[in-house]
Amino acid sequence: MPELSRFQGISIKMLYADVKQHNKPHIHVFYGEYSASVGIDGSLLSGDLPGKQLQLLRAWIILHEEELYASWNSAVQSVPFQKIAPLQ
């Protein structure tokens, strides 16, 4: 699963052609022993993240929404996408 971004111990990844389980545009997020699928709209689709990390992730999503949708559109077509800047 290619990594899209990483910051403050949070790893954000996106699968190619990943529309079977969650048809909604989403990312896969890993933090320590936690993992979750989160919609590009910030909704928690499955899994769990600590509250602070979920808030940081949602702030990052807001800042990079256009880039995330562009990455999603590439990924569902199995086209490589660019990494996105971490939260500063």
N, C-alpha and C. Protein backbone atom coordinates (compact mmCIF):
# COMPACT_ATOMS: atom_id res chain seq x y z
N MET A 1 0.86 -1.17 0.00
CA MET A 1 0.00 0.00 0.00
C MET A 1 0.90 1.23 0.00
N PRO A 2 0.87 2.04 -1.04
CA PRO A 2 1.75 3.21 -1.12
C PRO A 2 1.40 4.29 -0.07
N GLU A 3 2.45 4.87 0.50
CA GLU A 3 2.26 5.93 1.49
C GLU A 3 2.03 7.27 0.80
N LEU A 4 1.01 7.96 1.27
CA LEU A 4 0.64 9.26 0.74
C LEU A 4 1.30 10.39 1.53
N SER A 5 1.37 10.22 2.86
CA SER A 5 1.98 11.23 3.72
C SER A 5 2.28 10.61 5.08
N ARG A 6 3.11 11.30 5.87
CA ARG A 6 3.45 10.85 7.23
C ARG A 6 3.76 12.08 8.07
N PHE A 7 3.17 12.14 9.25
CA PHE A 7 3.47 13.23 10.18
C PHE A 7 3.05 12.83 11.58
N GLN A 8 3.80 13.28 12.57
CA GLN A 8 3.54 13.07 13.99
C GLN A 8 3.14 11.63 14.30
N GLY A 9 3.83 10.68 13.70
CA GLY A 9 3.57 9.26 13.96
C GLY A 9 2.39 8.69 13.20
N ILE A 10 1.72 9.51 12.39
CA ILE A 10 0.56 9.08 11.61
C ILE A 10 1.02 8.78 10.19
N SER A 11 0.73 7.58 9.72
CA SER A 11 1.03 7.20 8.34
C SER A 11 -0.27 7.13 7.56
N ILE A 12 -0.29 7.79 6.41
CA ILE A 12 -1.50 7.84 5.58
C ILE A 12 -1.19 7.15 4.26
N LYS A 13 -2.01 6.17 3.92
CA LYS A 13 -1.78 5.38 2.71
C LYS A 13 -3.05 5.33 1.87
N MET A 14 -2.84 4.97 0.60
CA MET A 14 -3.97 4.85 -0.31
C MET A 14 -3.69 3.65 -1.22
N LEU A 15 -4.68 2.80 -1.36
CA LEU A 15 -4.56 1.63 -2.24
C LEU A 15 -4.96 1.97 -3.66
N TYR A 16 -4.38 1.25 -4.59
CA TYR A 16 -4.82 1.36 -5.98
C TYR A 16 -6.08 0.52 -6.16
N ALA A 17 -7.02 1.02 -6.96
CA ALA A 17 -8.27 0.31 -7.31
C ALA A 17 -9.02 -0.16 -6.06
N ASP A 18 -9.03 0.63 -5.00
CA ASP A 18 -9.64 0.27 -3.71
C ASP A 18 -11.07 0.78 -3.62
N VAL A 19 -11.99 0.15 -4.34
CA VAL A 19 -13.38 0.60 -4.32
C VAL A 19 -14.33 -0.52 -3.93
N LYS A 20 -13.81 -1.69 -3.52
CA LYS A 20 -14.68 -2.82 -3.20
C LYS A 20 -15.33 -2.68 -1.83
N GLN A 21 -14.53 -2.44 -0.78
CA GLN A 21 -15.10 -2.37 0.57
C GLN A 21 -15.74 -1.01 0.84
N HIS A 22 -15.06 0.06 0.47
CA HIS A 22 -15.57 1.42 0.68
C HIS A 22 -15.55 2.12 -0.66
N ASN A 23 -16.68 2.28 -1.28
CA ASN A 23 -16.74 2.94 -2.58
C ASN A 23 -16.48 4.44 -2.44
N LYS A 24 -16.67 4.96 -1.24
CA LYS A 24 -16.45 6.37 -0.96
C LYS A 24 -14.94 6.68 -0.99
N PRO A 25 -14.52 7.80 -1.58
CA PRO A 25 -13.10 8.17 -1.56
C PRO A 25 -12.57 8.21 -0.13
N HIS A 26 -11.47 7.49 0.12
CA HIS A 26 -10.97 7.37 1.49
C HIS A 26 -9.47 7.12 1.51
N ILE A 27 -8.92 7.20 2.71
CA ILE A 27 -7.52 6.91 2.96
C ILE A 27 -7.44 5.87 4.08
N HIS A 28 -6.29 5.23 4.18
CA HIS A 28 -6.03 4.28 5.26
C HIS A 28 -5.01 4.93 6.18
N VAL A 29 -5.30 4.94 7.47
CA VAL A 29 -4.49 5.67 8.43
C VAL A 29 -3.98 4.71 9.50
N PHE A 30 -2.69 4.85 9.84
CA PHE A 30 -2.06 4.00 10.84
C PHE A 30 -1.35 4.87 11.87
N TYR A 31 -1.59 4.55 13.12
CA TYR A 31 -0.93 5.26 14.22
C TYR A 31 -0.68 4.24 15.32
N GLY A 32 0.58 3.85 15.52
CA GLY A 32 0.88 2.82 16.52
C GLY A 32 0.10 1.56 16.23
N GLU A 33 -0.64 1.08 17.22
CA GLU A 33 -1.44 -0.13 17.04
C GLU A 33 -2.83 0.16 16.46
N TYR A 34 -3.13 1.41 16.20
CA TYR A 34 -4.43 1.81 15.65
C TYR A 34 -4.39 1.85 14.12
N SER A 35 -5.53 1.54 13.53
CA SER A 35 -5.68 1.70 12.08
C SER A 35 -7.13 2.03 11.79
N ALA A 36 -7.33 2.78 10.71
CA ALA A 36 -8.69 3.20 10.35
C ALA A 36 -8.76 3.52 8.87
N SER A 37 -9.95 3.44 8.33
CA SER A 37 -10.26 3.96 7.00
C SER A 37 -11.07 5.22 7.23
N VAL A 38 -10.63 6.33 6.62
CA VAL A 38 -11.26 7.63 6.84
C VAL A 38 -11.60 8.23 5.48
N GLY A 39 -12.86 8.65 5.33
CA GLY A 39 -13.29 9.29 4.10
C GLY A 39 -12.57 10.61 3.89
N ILE A 40 -12.42 11.01 2.64
CA ILE A 40 -11.78 12.29 2.35
C ILE A 40 -12.63 13.44 2.90
N ASP A 41 -13.87 13.15 3.22
CA ASP A 41 -14.71 14.16 3.89
C ASP A 41 -14.50 14.18 5.40
N GLY A 42 -13.58 13.32 5.91
CA GLY A 42 -13.26 13.28 7.34
C GLY A 42 -14.05 12.28 8.15
N SER A 43 -14.99 11.56 7.52
CA SER A 43 -15.80 10.59 8.25
C SER A 43 -15.01 9.30 8.53
N LEU A 44 -15.16 8.76 9.71
CA LEU A 44 -14.51 7.51 10.10
C LEU A 44 -15.33 6.36 9.53
N LEU A 45 -14.77 5.62 8.57
CA LEU A 45 -15.50 4.54 7.90
C LEU A 45 -15.36 3.22 8.63
N SER A 46 -14.17 2.96 9.15
CA SER A 46 -13.94 1.73 9.93
C SER A 46 -12.67 1.91 10.74
N GLY A 47 -12.53 1.09 11.76
CA GLY A 47 -11.36 1.15 12.61
C GLY A 47 -11.47 2.21 13.69
N ASP A 48 -10.30 2.57 14.24
CA ASP A 48 -10.29 3.49 15.37
C ASP A 48 -8.96 4.24 15.41
N LEU A 49 -9.01 5.48 15.84
CA LEU A 49 -7.84 6.32 16.08
C LEU A 49 -8.07 7.09 17.36
N PRO A 50 -7.00 7.39 18.13
CA PRO A 50 -7.18 8.25 19.30
C PRO A 50 -7.72 9.61 18.86
N GLY A 51 -8.47 10.25 19.73
CA GLY A 51 -9.12 11.52 19.43
C GLY A 51 -8.20 12.60 18.91
N LYS A 52 -7.04 12.79 19.55
CA LYS A 52 -6.10 13.84 19.14
C LYS A 52 -5.61 13.59 17.71
N GLN A 53 -5.26 12.34 17.40
CA GLN A 53 -4.75 12.02 16.08
C GLN A 53 -5.84 12.14 15.02
N LEU A 54 -7.08 11.80 15.37
CA LEU A 54 -8.18 11.96 14.43
C LEU A 54 -8.41 13.44 14.13
N GLN A 55 -8.29 14.30 15.13
CA GLN A 55 -8.43 15.75 14.92
C GLN A 55 -7.31 16.28 14.01
N LEU A 56 -6.07 15.85 14.27
CA LEU A 56 -4.95 16.27 13.43
C LEU A 56 -5.16 15.81 11.99
N LEU A 57 -5.59 14.57 11.84
CA LEU A 57 -5.84 14.03 10.51
C LEU A 57 -6.92 14.83 9.79
N ARG A 58 -8.00 15.13 10.47
CA ARG A 58 -9.09 15.90 9.84
C ARG A 58 -8.61 17.30 9.43
N ALA A 59 -7.76 17.92 10.23
CA ALA A 59 -7.20 19.23 9.86
C ALA A 59 -6.35 19.09 8.60
N TRP A 60 -5.54 18.03 8.53
CA TRP A 60 -4.71 17.78 7.35
C TRP A 60 -5.58 17.55 6.12
N ILE A 61 -6.66 16.78 6.29
CA ILE A 61 -7.58 16.50 5.18
C ILE A 61 -8.15 17.81 4.62
N ILE A 62 -8.57 18.71 5.51
CA ILE A 62 -9.14 19.99 5.07
C ILE A 62 -8.11 20.77 4.25
N LEU A 63 -6.87 20.80 4.71
CA LEU A 63 -5.82 21.54 4.02
C LEU A 63 -5.47 20.94 2.65
N HIS A 64 -5.66 19.64 2.50
CA HIS A 64 -5.21 18.95 1.29
C HIS A 64 -6.34 18.25 0.53
N GLU A 65 -7.56 18.73 0.69
CA GLU A 65 -8.72 18.08 0.09
C GLU A 65 -8.58 17.91 -1.43
N GLU A 66 -8.19 18.95 -2.13
CA GLU A 66 -8.07 18.87 -3.59
C GLU A 66 -7.02 17.84 -4.00
N GLU A 67 -5.89 17.85 -3.31
CA GLU A 67 -4.83 16.89 -3.61
C GLU A 67 -5.28 15.46 -3.32
N LEU A 68 -6.05 15.28 -2.25
CA LEU A 68 -6.55 13.95 -1.91
C LEU A 68 -7.50 13.41 -2.97
N TYR A 69 -8.39 14.26 -3.45
CA TYR A 69 -9.30 13.81 -4.51
C TYR A 69 -8.54 13.51 -5.79
N ALA A 70 -7.51 14.29 -6.10
CA ALA A 70 -6.70 14.01 -7.28
C ALA A 70 -5.97 12.68 -7.12
N SER A 71 -5.44 12.43 -5.93
CA SER A 71 -4.77 11.16 -5.66
C SER A 71 -5.75 10.00 -5.76
N TRP A 72 -6.95 10.17 -5.21
CA TRP A 72 -7.99 9.14 -5.28
C TRP A 72 -8.32 8.82 -6.74
N ASN A 73 -8.52 9.85 -7.54
CA ASN A 73 -8.86 9.64 -8.94
C ASN A 73 -7.75 8.89 -9.67
N SER A 74 -6.51 9.17 -9.34
CA SER A 74 -5.39 8.43 -9.93
C SER A 74 -5.36 6.99 -9.43
N ALA A 75 -5.51 6.83 -8.12
CA ALA A 75 -5.40 5.50 -7.51
C ALA A 75 -6.47 4.53 -8.02
N VAL A 76 -7.71 4.98 -8.18
CA VAL A 76 -8.75 4.06 -8.66
C VAL A 76 -8.50 3.63 -10.09
N GLN A 77 -7.68 4.37 -10.81
CA GLN A 77 -7.30 3.99 -12.18
C GLN A 77 -5.94 3.28 -12.18
N SER A 78 -5.42 2.96 -11.00
CA SER A 78 -4.11 2.31 -10.82
C SER A 78 -2.96 3.13 -11.41
N VAL A 79 -3.10 4.45 -11.31
CA VAL A 79 -2.06 5.37 -11.77
C VAL A 79 -1.33 5.90 -10.52
N PRO A 80 0.01 5.88 -10.50
CA PRO A 80 0.75 6.39 -9.34
C PRO A 80 0.37 7.83 -9.01
N PHE A 81 0.37 8.14 -7.71
CA PHE A 81 0.04 9.48 -7.25
C PHE A 81 1.24 10.08 -6.52
N GLN A 82 1.24 11.39 -6.39
CA GLN A 82 2.31 12.11 -5.71
C GLN A 82 2.08 12.10 -4.19
N LYS A 83 3.16 12.13 -3.42
CA LYS A 83 3.03 12.28 -1.98
C LYS A 83 2.49 13.67 -1.67
N ILE A 84 1.81 13.79 -0.53
CA ILE A 84 1.23 15.07 -0.10
C ILE A 84 2.00 15.55 1.13
N ALA A 85 2.21 16.84 1.21
CA ALA A 85 2.98 17.43 2.30
C ALA A 85 2.40 17.07 3.67
N PRO A 86 3.27 16.85 4.65
CA PRO A 86 2.78 16.56 6.00
C PRO A 86 2.23 17.81 6.67
N LEU A 87 1.55 17.60 7.78
CA LEU A 87 1.03 18.71 8.59
C LEU A 87 2.21 19.34 9.29
N GLN A 88 2.37 20.64 9.19
CA GLN A 88 3.50 21.34 9.80
C GLN A 88 3.15 21.82 11.19
